[in-house]
Protein backbone atom coordinates (compact mmCIF):
# COMPACT_ATOMS: atom_id res chain seq x y z
CA MET A 1 30.26 -129.86 -68.41
CA LYS A 2 29.22 -133.33 -66.66
CA TYR A 3 31.06 -131.73 -63.62
CA ILE A 4 29.33 -128.42 -63.69
CA SER A 5 25.89 -130.67 -64.19
CA ARG A 6 26.88 -132.65 -61.31
CA ILE A 7 27.88 -130.07 -59.14
CA SER A 8 24.47 -128.41 -60.22
CA THR A 9 22.42 -131.15 -59.00
CA LEU A 10 24.04 -131.78 -56.01
CA SER A 11 23.67 -128.00 -55.02
CA THR A 12 19.89 -128.59 -55.92
CA ARG A 13 19.49 -131.41 -53.60
CA PHE A 14 21.45 -129.72 -50.45
CA PHE A 15 19.22 -126.72 -50.92
CA LEU A 16 16.08 -128.97 -51.57
CA PHE A 17 17.43 -131.00 -47.95
CA ALA A 18 18.19 -127.86 -46.39
CA LEU A 19 14.48 -126.91 -47.15
CA PHE A 20 13.31 -130.02 -45.72
CA VAL A 21 15.03 -129.61 -42.42
CA SER A 22 13.91 -126.05 -41.71
CA THR A 23 10.51 -126.47 -42.84
CA SER A 24 10.07 -129.87 -40.40
CA VAL A 25 11.94 -127.41 -37.42
CA MET A 26 9.16 -124.93 -37.56
CA ALA A 27 6.84 -127.27 -38.21
CA GLN A 28 7.76 -128.93 -34.66
CA LEU A 29 8.58 -125.62 -33.04
CA PRO A 30 6.25 -126.35 -29.99
CA ASP A 31 3.53 -123.98 -28.98
CA PRO A 32 3.23 -123.78 -25.30
CA GLY A 33 0.13 -122.38 -24.85
CA PHE A 34 -1.27 -118.90 -22.73
CA LYS A 35 -3.96 -119.25 -19.88
CA ILE A 36 -5.18 -116.44 -18.56
CA ASP A 37 -5.95 -115.98 -15.03
CA ASN A 38 -6.58 -113.64 -12.55
CA LYS A 39 -2.55 -112.81 -12.32
CA THR A 40 -2.59 -111.94 -16.30
CA ALA A 41 -2.28 -107.93 -17.54
CA ILE A 42 -2.97 -107.00 -21.07
CA LEU A 43 0.13 -104.07 -21.82
CA ILE A 44 -0.47 -101.49 -24.69
CA THR A 45 2.41 -99.53 -25.77
CA ASP A 46 2.23 -96.47 -27.73
CA PRO A 47 -1.38 -96.31 -28.33
CA GLN A 48 -0.74 -92.67 -29.71
CA ILE A 49 -1.58 -90.21 -32.69
CA ASP A 50 1.95 -90.31 -34.01
CA PHE A 51 1.40 -93.96 -35.03
CA LEU A 52 -2.04 -94.51 -34.96
CA SER A 53 -4.10 -91.64 -37.19
CA SER A 54 -3.81 -90.67 -40.59
CA LYS A 55 -2.64 -87.15 -38.95
CA GLY A 56 0.23 -88.74 -37.25
CA VAL A 57 3.82 -88.67 -38.56
CA THR A 58 4.62 -91.78 -39.37
CA TRP A 59 1.26 -92.77 -41.11
CA LYS A 60 3.23 -92.88 -44.60
CA VAL A 61 5.37 -95.88 -43.17
CA VAL A 62 2.79 -97.48 -41.08
CA GLY A 63 -0.42 -96.68 -42.17
CA LYS A 64 -0.36 -99.62 -44.93
CA SER A 65 0.28 -102.01 -41.79
CA VAL A 66 -1.91 -100.63 -39.38
CA THR A 67 -5.11 -101.06 -41.93
CA GLU A 68 -4.74 -104.37 -42.92
CA ASN A 69 -4.60 -105.35 -39.62
CA ASN A 70 -7.48 -103.34 -38.51
CA THR A 71 -5.11 -102.63 -35.80
CA VAL A 72 -6.98 -99.79 -34.19
CA ALA A 73 -9.96 -101.47 -33.69
CA ASN A 74 -8.52 -104.14 -32.26
CA ILE A 75 -6.05 -102.21 -29.72
CA GLU A 76 -9.46 -101.00 -28.67
CA LYS A 77 -10.83 -104.24 -28.29
CA LEU A 78 -8.15 -105.57 -26.15
CA PHE A 79 -9.22 -101.99 -23.99
CA GLN A 80 -12.82 -103.70 -23.67
CA LEU A 81 -11.75 -106.58 -23.06
CA GLY A 82 -10.10 -105.34 -20.13
CA GLN A 83 -12.59 -103.27 -18.79
CA ALA A 84 -15.18 -105.75 -19.29
CA TYR A 85 -13.69 -109.30 -18.04
CA ASN A 86 -11.35 -106.92 -14.71
CA LEU A 87 -8.19 -107.83 -16.80
CA PRO A 88 -5.46 -105.24 -15.46
CA ILE A 89 -4.19 -103.20 -18.22
CA PHE A 90 -1.46 -101.28 -18.17
CA VAL A 91 -0.15 -98.45 -20.87
CA SER A 92 3.51 -97.96 -21.82
CA PRO A 93 3.91 -94.40 -23.47
CA HIS A 94 6.82 -92.86 -25.71
CA TYR A 95 7.31 -89.17 -25.45
CA TYR A 96 10.57 -86.98 -25.74
CA TYR A 97 11.26 -83.87 -23.99
CA PRO A 98 13.82 -81.03 -25.15
CA ALA A 99 16.37 -82.42 -23.11
CA ASP A 100 16.05 -85.99 -25.26
CA HIS A 101 17.30 -83.79 -28.59
CA LYS A 102 20.34 -83.71 -26.80
CA TRP A 103 21.58 -87.12 -27.02
CA LYS A 104 25.36 -87.45 -28.44
CA PHE A 105 24.39 -90.34 -30.14
CA GLU A 106 21.26 -92.54 -31.89
CA GLY A 107 20.11 -95.44 -34.01
CA ALA A 108 18.61 -94.96 -37.27
CA LEU A 109 15.14 -94.93 -36.02
CA GLU A 110 15.83 -92.65 -32.88
CA ALA A 111 17.78 -90.05 -35.40
CA LEU A 112 14.16 -90.63 -37.49
CA MET A 113 11.98 -89.96 -34.48
CA HIS A 114 14.07 -86.83 -33.36
CA LYS A 115 14.28 -85.56 -37.10
CA ILE A 116 10.21 -85.64 -37.49
CA GLY A 117 9.20 -84.31 -33.86
CA MET A 118 7.49 -88.00 -33.35
CA PHE A 119 6.00 -88.26 -29.84
CA ASP A 120 7.07 -84.57 -28.88
CA ARG A 121 6.78 -83.16 -25.56
CA LYS A 122 7.57 -79.66 -24.24
CA ASP A 123 8.30 -80.72 -20.49
CA ALA A 124 7.79 -83.50 -18.72
CA LEU A 125 5.65 -81.18 -16.09
CA SER A 126 3.71 -79.75 -18.53
CA VAL A 127 0.62 -80.82 -20.79
CA GLU A 128 1.16 -77.69 -22.57
CA GLY A 129 0.62 -78.37 -26.53
CA PHE A 130 -0.32 -82.15 -25.64
CA GLU A 131 -3.69 -82.24 -26.25
CA ASN A 132 -4.42 -83.93 -29.83
CA SER A 133 -0.47 -83.68 -30.25
CA GLY A 134 1.06 -86.42 -31.90
CA ALA A 135 1.93 -87.58 -28.52
CA ASP A 136 -1.63 -88.00 -27.03
CA TRP A 137 -3.11 -90.87 -26.81
CA LEU A 138 -5.67 -91.55 -29.99
CA PRO A 139 -9.02 -89.77 -28.79
CA ARG A 140 -10.73 -93.20 -29.17
CA TYR A 141 -8.70 -94.93 -26.43
CA LYS A 142 -8.88 -91.69 -24.09
CA LYS A 143 -11.95 -93.06 -22.02
CA TYR A 144 -10.23 -96.29 -21.26
CA ILE A 145 -6.61 -94.66 -20.65
CA LYS A 146 -8.14 -92.39 -18.36
CA SER A 147 -9.81 -94.91 -16.42
CA ASN A 148 -8.71 -95.40 -12.49
CA THR A 149 -8.29 -98.70 -13.34
CA THR A 150 -5.48 -98.52 -16.18
CA VAL A 151 -2.22 -97.98 -14.68
CA VAL A 152 0.03 -95.51 -17.30
CA THR A 153 3.58 -96.24 -16.32
CA ASN A 154 6.61 -93.64 -16.91
CA PRO A 155 7.46 -92.98 -20.79
CA HIS A 156 10.24 -95.19 -22.18
CA LYS A 157 12.98 -94.10 -24.11
CA VAL A 158 13.49 -95.90 -26.94
CA TYR A 159 11.90 -98.94 -27.15
CA GLY A 160 11.81 -101.24 -24.44
CA PRO A 161 10.98 -101.20 -20.69
CA GLU A 162 14.25 -100.84 -19.15
CA THR A 163 14.24 -97.10 -19.07
CA ASN A 164 10.64 -97.22 -17.00
CA ASP A 165 8.37 -98.16 -13.85
CA LEU A 166 6.42 -100.97 -15.95
CA VAL A 167 8.18 -103.92 -14.61
CA LEU A 168 7.84 -102.45 -10.98
CA GLN A 169 4.02 -101.81 -11.40
CA LEU A 170 3.42 -105.58 -12.77
CA ARG A 171 5.71 -106.84 -10.28
CA LYS A 172 3.54 -104.73 -7.17
CA GLN A 173 0.30 -105.77 -8.69
CA GLY A 174 1.54 -109.45 -8.61
CA ILE A 175 1.50 -109.83 -12.56
CA ASP A 176 3.12 -112.97 -14.03
CA LYS A 177 1.35 -113.20 -17.35
CA VAL A 178 1.44 -110.01 -19.97
CA ILE A 179 -0.38 -110.13 -23.01
CA ILE A 180 0.56 -107.66 -25.16
CA ALA A 181 -0.02 -104.98 -27.66
CA GLY A 182 0.44 -101.75 -29.69
CA MET A 183 2.97 -100.04 -31.46
CA SER A 184 5.13 -100.60 -33.31
CA ALA A 185 5.35 -104.18 -33.49
CA ASN A 186 9.31 -104.84 -34.30
CA LEU A 187 10.45 -102.03 -32.35
CA CYS A 188 8.62 -101.31 -28.98
CA VAL A 189 5.95 -104.33 -28.81
CA GLU A 190 9.15 -106.70 -29.91
CA ALA A 191 11.21 -105.47 -27.31
CA HIS A 192 8.81 -105.14 -24.59
CA MET A 193 8.16 -109.03 -25.12
CA ARG A 194 11.95 -109.32 -25.19
CA GLU A 195 12.46 -107.63 -21.86
CA LEU A 196 9.41 -109.16 -19.74
CA ALA A 197 10.79 -112.42 -20.89
CA GLU A 198 13.89 -112.14 -19.28
CA GLN A 199 12.45 -110.37 -16.07
CA GLY A 200 10.83 -113.98 -15.87
CA PHE A 201 6.93 -112.88 -16.99
CA GLU A 202 5.08 -115.35 -19.19
CA ILE A 203 4.16 -113.70 -22.64
CA ALA A 204 1.64 -113.63 -25.49
CA VAL A 205 1.43 -111.17 -28.00
CA VAL A 206 -1.65 -109.93 -30.30
CA LYS A 207 -0.53 -109.92 -33.93
CA ASP A 208 -3.37 -107.83 -35.34
CA ALA A 209 -3.18 -105.54 -32.78
CA THR A 210 0.11 -104.26 -33.51
CA ALA A 211 1.39 -103.26 -37.07
CA ALA A 212 5.07 -102.04 -38.08
CA ALA A 213 6.54 -99.81 -40.57
CA VAL A 214 7.21 -101.19 -44.46
CA LEU A 215 9.68 -99.58 -46.41
CA PRO A 216 11.39 -100.97 -49.52
CA GLY A 217 13.05 -103.84 -49.09
CA LEU A 218 12.45 -103.96 -44.99
CA ASP A 219 9.16 -105.06 -43.47
CA GLY A 220 8.97 -104.52 -39.75
CA TYR A 221 5.71 -106.76 -39.52
CA LYS A 222 6.84 -109.72 -40.77
CA ALA A 223 10.05 -109.64 -39.27
CA ALA A 224 8.04 -109.31 -35.60
CA VAL A 225 6.07 -111.98 -36.43
CA THR A 226 8.57 -114.43 -36.79
CA ASN A 227 10.21 -113.31 -33.36
CA PHE A 228 7.03 -113.26 -31.89
CA ARG A 229 6.10 -116.95 -32.82
CA MET A 230 9.40 -117.67 -31.95
CA ILE A 231 10.09 -116.17 -28.34
CA ALA A 232 6.44 -115.48 -26.89
CA SER A 233 4.41 -118.65 -25.08
CA HIS A 234 1.44 -117.59 -27.58
CA VAL A 235 0.22 -115.53 -30.53
CA PHE A 236 -2.86 -114.60 -30.37
CA THR A 237 -5.22 -112.99 -32.91
CA THR A 238 -7.49 -110.45 -31.63
CA LYS A 239 -10.78 -112.48 -31.85
CA GLU A 240 -8.60 -115.72 -30.55
CA LEU A 241 -7.85 -113.65 -27.55
CA GLU A 242 -11.31 -112.40 -27.01
CA ALA A 243 -12.76 -116.17 -27.21
CA ALA A 244 -9.95 -117.50 -24.81
CA VAL A 245 -10.58 -114.58 -22.05
CA LYS A 246 -14.56 -114.96 -22.16
CA GLN A 247 -14.25 -118.39 -21.99
CA LYS A 248 -12.02 -118.21 -19.01
CA LYS A 249 -14.76 -115.48 -17.39
CA SER A 250 -17.36 -118.34 -17.92
CA LYS A 251 -16.16 -120.99 -16.03
């Protein structure tokens, strides 16, 4: 019994030491910061009905996160800031065409998205049936996206921008820094963050201008926020970003 008790005590001490080391390391994790300048753009991923409306096909799993974060209004605030303070706005949408439903294999969420008809469009060259469909923009964003100052890229097909022209469009406009928001946090937002970081862009993420699916035992939003902090140069809230933009432009 004494031997077992000693083992138990040692295990507890080891656990507490590991917890202390982990906490200390996280406390020392640097925050490089993110300075907004004339080479900075705002990127919004998937600002579409299927993600952000109660009428969308994913609302049952993302609705709680969207509501808690005030995501819809916060994304709109980013559009407003971009237009008011001349920050270029890029939108990376997500569409699926009939040919995409013929893929021979899929990941778990790809299979689900195809099964529920998420982001479906009838044809790449037609907008028949597009208006107010799940693939359409959330109505309150349309006036910003339809502005001739907003760049809408080709659609990405899985999660990241490797399959569209986002990087080209950013480079052609001389953008070095990107502030990312949109849907969904642990999928397209995180995938865009990772790829743009690999491509040499300086990245910030707005953590309450996004949201993610919450399922039994799985919280996509919490997973994403952890990775935002570890990968991006800085993580803003919408209010913090608004203050930073206004401060920069007032100088």
